[in-house]
Amino acid sequence: MLAAAAIAGCMVFPASSPWNQRVDGAPPRPGSDAMVHAVGLDDPVHPDFGSGGIGIPFQIVARNAKKPETRERRLEQFVELLASGGSLH
C-alpha cells in the first residue's frame, strides 16, 4: 500500500482506496494496449490543469468553508422569512 495523498493536510482518498494501491506488480488490464495506442505510444503525459474553461477543474477551499447546500438552505430560509413578512432587524 502507498502512502495516502494529502493536499493542504486533507486526505484526497482514504488509505484503503484503490487509488492508493500499488499497481506496478499487477497484470495489465485486458485491452490496455489498445488504450495506449489510441492515446499515443510515444506521446508524453500531459495532465492539463489549465484555466479558462479548459483542463481539469479543481478548487482548494478552506476547511471551514460552507458547503453549497448549506448556503442554498440558508438562502431558502431567508426568502421564506421575507415572504412571511419577517425582517432581519
PDB file of N, CA and C in Angstrom:
ATOM      1  N   MET A   1       0.848  -1.177   0.000  1.00  0.00           N
ATOM      2  CA  MET A   1       0.000   0.000   0.000  1.00  0.00           C
ATOM      3  C   MET A   1       0.894   1.241   0.000  1.00  0.00           C
ATOM      4  N   LEU A   2       0.485   2.250  -0.724  1.00  0.00           N
ATOM      5  CA  LEU A   2       1.227   3.504  -0.802  1.00  0.00           C
ATOM      6  C   LEU A   2       0.793   4.449   0.314  1.00  0.00           C
ATOM      7  N   ALA A   3       1.588   5.449   0.554  1.00  0.00           N
ATOM      8  CA  ALA A   3       1.180   6.488   1.496  1.00  0.00           C
ATOM      9  C   ALA A   3       0.023   7.259   0.875  1.00  0.00           C
ATOM     10  N   ALA A   4      -1.013   7.519   1.629  1.00  0.00           N
ATOM     11  CA  ALA A   4      -2.180   8.233   1.113  1.00  0.00           C
ATOM     12  C   ALA A   4      -1.810   9.678   0.805  1.00  0.00           C
ATOM     13  N   ALA A   5      -2.292  10.167  -0.340  1.00  0.00           N
ATOM     14  CA  ALA A   5      -2.007  11.538  -0.762  1.00  0.00           C
ATOM     15  C   ALA A   5      -2.824  12.529   0.050  1.00  0.00           C
ATOM     16  N   ALA A   6      -2.250  13.690   0.296  1.00  0.00           N
ATOM     17  CA  ALA A   6      -2.938  14.760   1.012  1.00  0.00           C
ATOM     18  C   ALA A   6      -2.635  16.087   0.330  1.00  0.00           C
ATOM     19  N   ILE A   7      -3.621  16.957   0.323  1.00  0.00           N
ATOM     20  CA  ILE A   7      -3.452  18.316  -0.175  1.00  0.00           C
ATOM     21  C   ILE A   7      -3.792  19.244   0.972  1.00  0.00           C
ATOM     22  N   ALA A   8      -2.871  20.100   1.317  1.00  0.00           N
ATOM     23  CA  ALA A   8      -3.050  21.040   2.431  1.00  0.00           C
ATOM     24  C   ALA A   8      -3.481  20.309   3.697  1.00  0.00           C
ATOM     25  N   GLY A   9      -2.928  19.102   3.902  1.00  0.00           N
ATOM     26  CA  GLY A   9      -3.220  18.335   5.098  1.00  0.00           C
ATOM     27  C   GLY A   9      -4.516  17.538   5.046  1.00  0.00           C
ATOM     28  N   CYS A  10      -5.278  17.645   3.945  1.00  0.00           N
ATOM     29  CA  CYS A  10      -6.546  16.919   3.816  1.00  0.00           C
ATOM     30  C   CYS A  10      -6.324  15.675   2.967  1.00  0.00           C
ATOM     31  N   MET A  11      -6.830  14.535   3.441  1.00  0.00           N
ATOM     32  CA  MET A  11      -6.713  13.289   2.691  1.00  0.00           C
ATOM     33  C   MET A  11      -7.490  13.403   1.388  1.00  0.00           C
ATOM     34  N   VAL A  12      -6.877  13.005   0.279  1.00  0.00           N
ATOM     35  CA  VAL A  12      -7.557  13.001  -1.006  1.00  0.00           C
ATOM     36  C   VAL A  12      -8.460  11.777  -1.097  1.00  0.00           C
ATOM     37  N   PHE A  13      -7.926  10.614  -0.773  1.00  0.00           N
ATOM     38  CA  PHE A  13      -8.680   9.369  -0.713  1.00  0.00           C
ATOM     39  C   PHE A  13      -8.261   8.647   0.551  1.00  0.00           C
ATOM     40  N   PRO A  14      -9.130   7.811   1.129  1.00  0.00           N
ATOM     41  CA  PRO A  14      -8.722   7.029   2.296  1.00  0.00           C
ATOM     42  C   PRO A  14      -7.567   6.100   1.932  1.00  0.00           C
ATOM     43  N   ALA A  15      -6.791   5.702   2.915  1.00  0.00           N
ATOM     44  CA  ALA A  15      -5.648   4.824   2.682  1.00  0.00           C
ATOM     45  C   ALA A  15      -6.069   3.510   2.034  1.00  0.00           C
ATOM     46  N   SER A  16      -7.297   3.057   2.276  1.00  0.00           N
ATOM     47  CA  SER A  16      -7.771   1.793   1.712  1.00  0.00           C
ATOM     48  C   SER A  16      -8.312   1.937   0.289  1.00  0.00           C
ATOM     49  N   SER A  17      -8.366   3.154  -0.238  1.00  0.00           N
ATOM     50  CA  SER A  17      -8.905   3.390  -1.579  1.00  0.00           C
ATOM     51  C   SER A  17      -8.065   2.702  -2.651  1.00  0.00           C
ATOM     52  N   PRO A  18      -8.705   2.198  -3.706  1.00  0.00           N
ATOM     53  CA  PRO A  18      -7.937   1.624  -4.815  1.00  0.00           C
ATOM     54  C   PRO A  18      -6.938   2.605  -5.430  1.00  0.00           C
ATOM     55  N   TRP A  19      -7.199   3.910  -5.282  1.00  0.00           N
ATOM     56  CA  TRP A  19      -6.267   4.899  -5.822  1.00  0.00           C
ATOM     57  C   TRP A  19      -4.953   4.905  -5.044  1.00  0.00           C
ATOM     58  N   ASN A  20      -4.932   4.312  -3.870  1.00  0.00           N
ATOM     59  CA  ASN A  20      -3.709   4.252  -3.056  1.00  0.00           C
ATOM     60  C   ASN A  20      -3.087   2.863  -3.047  1.00  0.00           C
ATOM     61  N   GLN A  21      -3.424   2.028  -4.019  1.00  0.00           N
ATOM     62  CA  GLN A  21      -2.864   0.685  -4.097  1.00  0.00           C
ATOM     63  C   GLN A  21      -1.730   0.644  -5.114  1.00  0.00           C
ATOM     64  N   ARG A  22      -0.724  -0.163  -4.841  1.00  0.00           N
ATOM     65  CA  ARG A  22       0.373  -0.354  -5.793  1.00  0.00           C
ATOM     66  C   ARG A  22      -0.148  -1.125  -7.001  1.00  0.00           C
ATOM     67  N   VAL A  23       0.282  -0.731  -8.189  1.00  0.00           N
ATOM     68  CA  VAL A  23      -0.121  -1.433  -9.400  1.00  0.00           C
ATOM     69  C   VAL A  23       1.080  -1.891 -10.228  1.00  0.00           C
ATOM     70  N   ASP A  24       2.281  -1.576  -9.751  1.00  0.00           N
ATOM     71  CA  ASP A  24       3.455  -1.904 -10.558  1.00  0.00           C
ATOM     72  C   ASP A  24       3.657  -3.410 -10.731  1.00  0.00           C
ATOM     73  N   GLY A  25       3.093  -4.225  -9.859  1.00  0.00           N
ATOM     74  CA  GLY A  25       3.220  -5.672  -9.986  1.00  0.00           C
ATOM     75  C   GLY A  25       1.955  -6.338 -10.507  1.00  0.00           C
ATOM     76  N   ALA A  26       0.923  -5.563 -10.756  1.00  0.00           N
ATOM     77  CA  ALA A  26      -0.352  -6.116 -11.223  1.00  0.00           C
ATOM     78  C   ALA A  26      -0.274  -6.406 -12.718  1.00  0.00           C
ATOM     79  N   PRO A  27      -1.025  -7.401 -13.188  1.00  0.00           N
ATOM     80  CA  PRO A  27      -1.040  -7.675 -14.626  1.00  0.00           C
ATOM     81  C   PRO A  27      -1.748  -6.548 -15.371  1.00  0.00           C
ATOM     82  N   PRO A  28      -1.383  -6.323 -16.632  1.00  0.00           N
ATOM     83  CA  PRO A  28      -2.071  -5.273 -17.402  1.00  0.00           C
ATOM     84  C   PRO A  28      -3.551  -5.594 -17.565  1.00  0.00           C
ATOM     85  N   ARG A  29      -4.352  -4.574 -17.595  1.00  0.00           N
ATOM     86  CA  ARG A  29      -5.788  -4.743 -17.805  1.00  0.00           C
ATOM     87  C   ARG A  29      -6.015  -5.176 -19.251  1.00  0.00           C
ATOM     88  N   PRO A  30      -6.929  -6.128 -19.490  1.00  0.00           N
ATOM     89  CA  PRO A  30      -7.214  -6.532 -20.873  1.00  0.00           C
ATOM     90  C   PRO A  30      -7.621  -5.321 -21.712  1.00  0.00           C
ATOM     91  N   GLY A  31      -7.035  -5.190 -22.879  1.00  0.00           N
ATOM     92  CA  GLY A  31      -7.355  -4.070 -23.766  1.00  0.00           C
ATOM     93  C   GLY A  31      -6.529  -2.828 -23.500  1.00  0.00           C
ATOM     94  N   SER A  32      -5.644  -2.859 -22.488  1.00  0.00           N
ATOM     95  CA  SER A  32      -4.865  -1.658 -22.174  1.00  0.00           C
ATOM     96  C   SER A  32      -3.934  -1.268 -23.319  1.00  0.00           C
ATOM     97  N   ASP A  33      -3.462  -2.254 -24.084  1.00  0.00           N
ATOM     98  CA  ASP A  33      -2.584  -1.928 -25.204  1.00  0.00           C
ATOM     99  C   ASP A  33      -3.325  -1.087 -26.245  1.00  0.00           C
ATOM    100  N   ALA A  34      -4.609  -1.362 -26.453  1.00  0.00           N
ATOM    101  CA  ALA A  34      -5.399  -0.566 -27.396  1.00  0.00           C
ATOM    102  C   ALA A  34      -5.563   0.861 -26.891  1.00  0.00           C
ATOM    103  N   MET A  35      -5.748   1.026 -25.550  1.00  0.00           N
ATOM    104  CA  MET A  35      -5.877   2.367 -24.976  1.00  0.00           C
ATOM    105  C   MET A  35      -4.581   3.147 -25.135  1.00  0.00           C
ATOM    106  N   VAL A  36      -3.453   2.488 -24.872  1.00  0.00           N
ATOM    107  CA  VAL A  36      -2.151   3.148 -25.002  1.00  0.00           C
ATOM    108  C   VAL A  36      -1.933   3.592 -26.447  1.00  0.00           C
ATOM    109  N   HIS A  37      -2.246   2.742 -27.402  1.00  0.00           N
ATOM    110  CA  HIS A  37      -2.060   3.096 -28.800  1.00  0.00           C
ATOM    111  C   HIS A  37      -3.016   4.211 -29.227  1.00  0.00           C
ATOM    112  N   ALA A  38      -4.235   4.248 -28.671  1.00  0.00           N
ATOM    113  CA  ALA A  38      -5.187   5.302 -29.005  1.00  0.00           C
ATOM    114  C   ALA A  38      -4.709   6.656 -28.492  1.00  0.00           C
ATOM    115  N   VAL A  39      -4.101   6.664 -27.314  1.00  0.00           N
ATOM    116  CA  VAL A  39      -3.583   7.911 -26.741  1.00  0.00           C
ATOM    117  C   VAL A  39      -2.306   8.321 -27.461  1.00  0.00           C
ATOM    118  N   GLY A  40      -1.481   7.349 -27.758  1.00  0.00           N
ATOM    119  CA  GLY A  40      -0.199   7.604 -28.427  1.00  0.00           C
ATOM    120  C   GLY A  40       0.916   6.948 -27.646  1.00  0.00           C
ATOM    121  N   LEU A  41       1.525   5.962 -28.252  1.00  0.00           N
ATOM    122  CA  LEU A  41       2.550   5.182 -27.566  1.00  0.00           C
ATOM    123  C   LEU A  41       3.741   6.033 -27.124  1.00  0.00           C
ATOM    124  N   ASP A  42       4.138   6.982 -27.940  1.00  0.00           N
ATOM    125  CA  ASP A  42       5.322   7.785 -27.631  1.00  0.00           C
ATOM    126  C   ASP A  42       4.993   9.198 -27.162  1.00  0.00           C
ATOM    127  N   ASP A  43       3.710   9.518 -27.015  1.00  0.00           N
ATOM    128  CA  ASP A  43       3.320  10.856 -26.582  1.00  0.00           C
ATOM    129  C   ASP A  43       3.544  11.010 -25.082  1.00  0.00           C
ATOM    130  N   PRO A  44       4.028  12.164 -24.648  1.00  0.00           N
ATOM    131  CA  PRO A  44       4.216  12.371 -23.198  1.00  0.00           C
ATOM    132  C   PRO A  44       2.873  12.578 -22.499  1.00  0.00           C
ATOM    133  N   VAL A  45       2.851  12.289 -21.226  1.00  0.00           N
ATOM    134  CA  VAL A  45       1.658  12.519 -20.409  1.00  0.00           C
ATOM    135  C   VAL A  45       1.524  14.021 -20.196  1.00  0.00           C
ATOM    136  N   HIS A  46       0.310  14.517 -20.303  1.00  0.00           N
ATOM    137  CA  HIS A  46       0.074  15.951 -20.119  1.00  0.00           C
ATOM    138  C   HIS A  46      -1.166  16.172 -19.255  1.00  0.00           C
ATOM    139  N   PRO A  47      -1.009  16.167 -17.919  1.00  0.00           N
ATOM    140  CA  PRO A  47      -2.152  16.491 -17.072  1.00  0.00           C
ATOM    141  C   PRO A  47      -2.470  17.972 -17.236  1.00  0.00           C
ATOM    142  N   ASP A  48      -3.651  18.288 -17.689  1.00  0.00           N
ATOM    143  CA  ASP A  48      -3.997  19.658 -18.054  1.00  0.00           C
ATOM    144  C   ASP A  48      -4.836  20.310 -16.962  1.00  0.00           C
ATOM    145  N   PHE A  49      -4.193  21.056 -16.088  1.00  0.00           N
ATOM    146  CA  PHE A  49      -4.888  21.796 -15.043  1.00  0.00           C
ATOM    147  C   PHE A  49      -5.013  23.255 -15.451  1.00  0.00           C
ATOM    148  N   GLY A  50      -5.333  23.487 -16.725  1.00  0.00           N
ATOM    149  CA  GLY A  50      -5.443  24.838 -17.260  1.00  0.00           C
ATOM    150  C   GLY A  50      -6.634  25.592 -16.705  1.00  0.00           C
ATOM    151  N   SER A  51      -6.764  26.819 -17.138  1.00  0.00           N
ATOM    152  CA  SER A  51      -7.883  27.649 -16.692  1.00  0.00           C
ATOM    153  C   SER A  51      -8.619  28.172 -17.915  1.00  0.00           C
ATOM    154  N   GLY A  52      -9.668  28.915 -17.697  1.00  0.00           N
ATOM    155  CA  GLY A  52     -10.417  29.487 -18.809  1.00  0.00           C
ATOM    156  C   GLY A  52     -11.319  28.487 -19.506  1.00  0.00           C
ATOM    157  N   GLY A  53     -11.828  27.488 -18.749  1.00  0.00           N
ATOM    158  CA  GLY A  53     -12.752  26.535 -19.324  1.00  0.00           C
ATOM    159  C   GLY A  53     -12.095  25.328 -19.953  1.00  0.00           C
ATOM    160  N   ILE A  54     -10.778  25.230 -19.847  1.00  0.00           N
ATOM    161  CA  ILE A  54     -10.095  24.055 -20.373  1.00  0.00           C
ATOM    162  C   ILE A  54      -9.409  23.334 -19.226  1.00  0.00           C
ATOM    163  N   GLY A  55      -9.095  22.090 -19.413  1.00  0.00           N
ATOM    164  CA  GLY A  55      -8.350  21.361 -18.401  1.00  0.00           C
ATOM    165  C   GLY A  55      -9.247  20.711 -17.374  1.00  0.00           C
ATOM    166  N   ILE A  56      -8.611  20.192 -16.331  1.00  0.00           N
ATOM    167  CA  ILE A  56      -9.298  19.503 -15.244  1.00  0.00           C
ATOM    168  C   ILE A  56      -9.571  20.537 -14.149  1.00  0.00           C
ATOM    169  N   PRO A  57     -10.836  20.858 -13.896  1.00  0.00           N
ATOM    170  CA  PRO A  57     -11.113  21.888 -12.896  1.00  0.00           C
ATOM    171  C   PRO A  57     -10.875  21.380 -11.473  1.00  0.00           C
ATOM    172  N   PHE A  58     -10.315  22.226 -10.643  1.00  0.00           N
ATOM    173  CA  PHE A  58     -10.173  21.914  -9.234  1.00  0.00           C
ATOM    174  C   PHE A  58     -10.183  23.216  -8.455  1.00  0.00           C
ATOM    175  N   GLN A  59     -10.555  23.122  -7.212  1.00  0.00           N
ATOM    176  CA  GLN A  59     -10.620  24.305  -6.366  1.00  0.00           C
ATOM    177  C   GLN A  59     -10.255  23.902  -4.950  1.00  0.00           C
ATOM    178  N   ILE A  60      -9.354  24.646  -4.341  1.00  0.00           N
ATOM    179  CA  ILE A  60      -8.974  24.397  -2.956  1.00  0.00           C
ATOM    180  C   ILE A  60      -9.685  25.430  -2.095  1.00  0.00           C
ATOM    181  N   VAL A  61     -10.394  24.944  -1.084  1.00  0.00           N
ATOM    182  CA  VAL A  61     -11.138  25.833  -0.197  1.00  0.00           C
ATOM    183  C   VAL A  61     -10.713  25.583   1.240  1.00  0.00           C
ATOM    184  N   ALA A  62     -11.002  26.527   2.081  1.00  0.00           N
ATOM    185  CA  ALA A  62     -10.668  26.401   3.499  1.00  0.00           C
ATOM    186  C   ALA A  62     -11.512  25.304   4.137  1.00  0.00           C
ATOM    187  N   ARG A  63     -10.988  24.707   5.193  1.00  0.00           N
ATOM    188  CA  ARG A  63     -11.728  23.652   5.896  1.00  0.00           C
ATOM    189  C   ARG A  63     -13.067  24.146   6.429  1.00  0.00           C
ATOM    190  N   ASN A  64     -13.135  25.419   6.810  1.00  0.00           N
ATOM    191  CA  ASN A  64     -14.362  25.948   7.408  1.00  0.00           C
ATOM    192  C   ASN A  64     -15.283  26.600   6.373  1.00  0.00           C
ATOM    193  N   ALA A  65     -15.004  26.407   5.079  1.00  0.00           N
ATOM    194  CA  ALA A  65     -15.870  26.971   4.049  1.00  0.00           C
ATOM    195  C   ALA A  65     -17.231  26.283   4.094  1.00  0.00           C
ATOM    196  N   LYS A  66     -18.269  27.062   3.895  1.00  0.00           N
ATOM    197  CA  LYS A  66     -19.611  26.495   3.907  1.00  0.00           C
ATOM    198  C   LYS A  66     -19.852  25.727   2.621  1.00  0.00           C
ATOM    199  N   LYS A  67     -20.519  24.610   2.754  1.00  0.00           N
ATOM    200  CA  LYS A  67     -20.845  23.795   1.594  1.00  0.00           C
ATOM    201  C   LYS A  67     -21.956  24.476   0.800  1.00  0.00           C
ATOM    202  N   PRO A  68     -21.992  24.268  -0.529  1.00  0.00           N
ATOM    203  CA  PRO A  68     -23.035  24.910  -1.340  1.00  0.00           C
ATOM    204  C   PRO A  68     -24.445  24.617  -0.844  1.00  0.00           C
ATOM    205  N   GLU A  69     -24.697  23.380  -0.375  1.00  0.00           N
ATOM    206  CA  GLU A  69     -26.045  23.068   0.088  1.00  0.00           C
ATOM    207  C   GLU A  69     -26.399  23.851   1.349  1.00  0.00           C
ATOM    208  N   THR A  70     -25.389  24.185   2.162  1.00  0.00           N
ATOM    209  CA  THR A  70     -25.644  24.992   3.357  1.00  0.00           C
ATOM    210  C   THR A  70     -26.036  26.403   2.949  1.00  0.00           C
ATOM    211  N   ARG A  71     -25.305  26.989   1.985  1.00  0.00           N
ATOM    212  CA  ARG A  71     -25.644  28.331   1.502  1.00  0.00           C
ATOM    213  C   ARG A  71     -27.032  28.340   0.870  1.00  0.00           C
ATOM    214  N   GLU A  72     -27.340  27.302   0.086  1.00  0.00           N
ATOM    215  CA  GLU A  72     -28.639  27.224  -0.577  1.00  0.00           C
ATOM    216  C   GLU A  72     -29.765  27.125   0.451  1.00  0.00           C
ATOM    217  N   ARG A  73     -29.564  26.316   1.477  1.00  0.00           N
ATOM    218  CA  ARG A  73     -30.577  26.167   2.525  1.00  0.00           C
ATOM    219  C   ARG A  73     -30.778  27.490   3.257  1.00  0.00           C
ATOM    220  N   ARG A  74     -29.707  28.196   3.556  1.00  0.00           N
ATOM    221  CA  ARG A  74     -29.817  29.490   4.253  1.00  0.00           C
ATOM    222  C   ARG A  74     -30.532  30.519   3.386  1.00  0.00           C
ATOM    223  N   LEU A  75     -30.254  30.497   2.086  1.00  0.00           N
ATOM    224  CA  LEU A  75     -30.923  31.419   1.177  1.00  0.00           C
ATOM    225  C   LEU A  75     -32.427  31.130   1.138  1.00  0.00           C
ATOM    226  N   GLU A  76     -32.798  29.844   1.099  1.00  0.00           N
ATOM    227  CA  GLU A  76     -34.214  29.474   1.119  1.00  0.00           C
ATOM    228  C   GLU A  76     -34.880  29.958   2.400  1.00  0.00           C
ATOM    229  N   GLN A  77     -34.200  29.825   3.539  1.00  0.00           N
ATOM    230  CA  GLN A  77     -34.748  30.287   4.813  1.00  0.00           C
ATOM    231  C   GLN A  77     -34.935  31.804   4.802  1.00  0.00           C
ATOM    232  N   PHE A  78     -33.978  32.512   4.205  1.00  0.00           N
ATOM    233  CA  PHE A  78     -34.060  33.972   4.123  1.00  0.00           C
ATOM    234  C   PHE A  78     -35.252  34.390   3.263  1.00  0.00           C
ATOM    235  N   VAL A  79     -35.427  33.723   2.119  1.00  0.00           N
ATOM    236  CA  VAL A  79     -36.551  34.036   1.232  1.00  0.00           C
ATOM    237  C   VAL A  79     -37.871  33.750   1.946  1.00  0.00           C
ATOM    238  N   GLU A  80     -37.964  32.631   2.655  1.00  0.00           N
ATOM    239  CA  GLU A  80     -39.185  32.291   3.399  1.00  0.00           C
ATOM    240  C   GLU A  80     -39.465  33.334   4.476  1.00  0.00           C
ATOM    241  N   LEU A  81     -38.427  33.793   5.158  1.00  0.00           N
ATOM    242  CA  LEU A  81     -38.580  34.821   6.186  1.00  0.00           C
ATOM    243  C   LEU A  81     -39.178  36.092   5.596  1.00  0.00           C
ATOM    244  N   LEU A  82     -38.619  36.542   4.472  1.00  0.00           N
ATOM    245  CA  LEU A  82     -39.121  37.763   3.844  1.00  0.00           C
ATOM    246  C   LEU A  82     -40.528  37.571   3.291  1.00  0.00           C
ATOM    247  N   ALA A  83     -40.809  36.390   2.721  1.00  0.00           N
ATOM    248  CA  ALA A  83     -42.130  36.117   2.169  1.00  0.00           C
ATOM    249  C   ALA A  83     -43.219  36.104   3.245  1.00  0.00           C
ATOM    250  N   SER A  84     -42.848  35.726   4.467  1.00  0.00           N
ATOM    251  CA  SER A  84     -43.813  35.680   5.557  1.00  0.00           C
ATOM    252  C   SER A  84     -43.930  37.024   6.276  1.00  0.00           C
ATOM    253  N   GLY A  85     -43.255  38.049   5.746  1.00  0.00           N
ATOM    254  CA  GLY A  85     -43.341  39.373   6.357  1.00  0.00           C
ATOM    255  C   GLY A  85     -42.291  39.651   7.407  1.00  0.00           C
ATOM    256  N   GLY A  86     -41.378  38.735   7.595  1.00  0.00           N
ATOM    257  CA  GLY A  86     -40.317  38.913   8.581  1.00  0.00           C
ATOM    258  C   GLY A  86     -39.267  39.915   8.119  1.00  0.00           C
ATOM    259  N   SER A  87     -38.388  40.268   9.011  1.00  0.00           N
ATOM    260  CA  SER A  87     -37.295  41.190   8.660  1.00  0.00           C
ATOM    261  C   SER A  87     -36.027  40.742   9.385  1.00  0.00           C
ATOM    262  N   LEU A  88     -34.922  41.313   8.986  1.00  0.00           N
ATOM    263  CA  LEU A  88     -33.636  40.985   9.602  1.00  0.00           C
ATOM    264  C   LEU A  88     -33.407  41.745  10.896  1.00  0.00           C
ATOM    265  N   HIS A  89     -34.135  42.820  11.099  1.00  0.00           N
ATOM    266  CA  HIS A  89     -33.914  43.633  12.295  1.00  0.00           C
ATOM    267  C   HIS A  89     -35.147  43.681  13.156  1.00  0.00           C
TER     268      HIS A  89
END
